């Protein structure tokens, strides 16, 4: 389903960003998907666009 692809793309990109800059962004999955910090919105948009277009 398209929504599932978008959700997975968002989660994967945010996890990638958190791994790259742990001092700036953290993710807590204990109760859902809580994000705290600075998000590179351009990179997030590219990840979502790529998932919708069938990219990696």
Foldseek 3Di string as FASTA:
>chain_A
DLVVLLVVLLVVQLVVVCVVPVVAWDWDPPPHTDIDGDDPVVSSVVSNVCSNVVHD
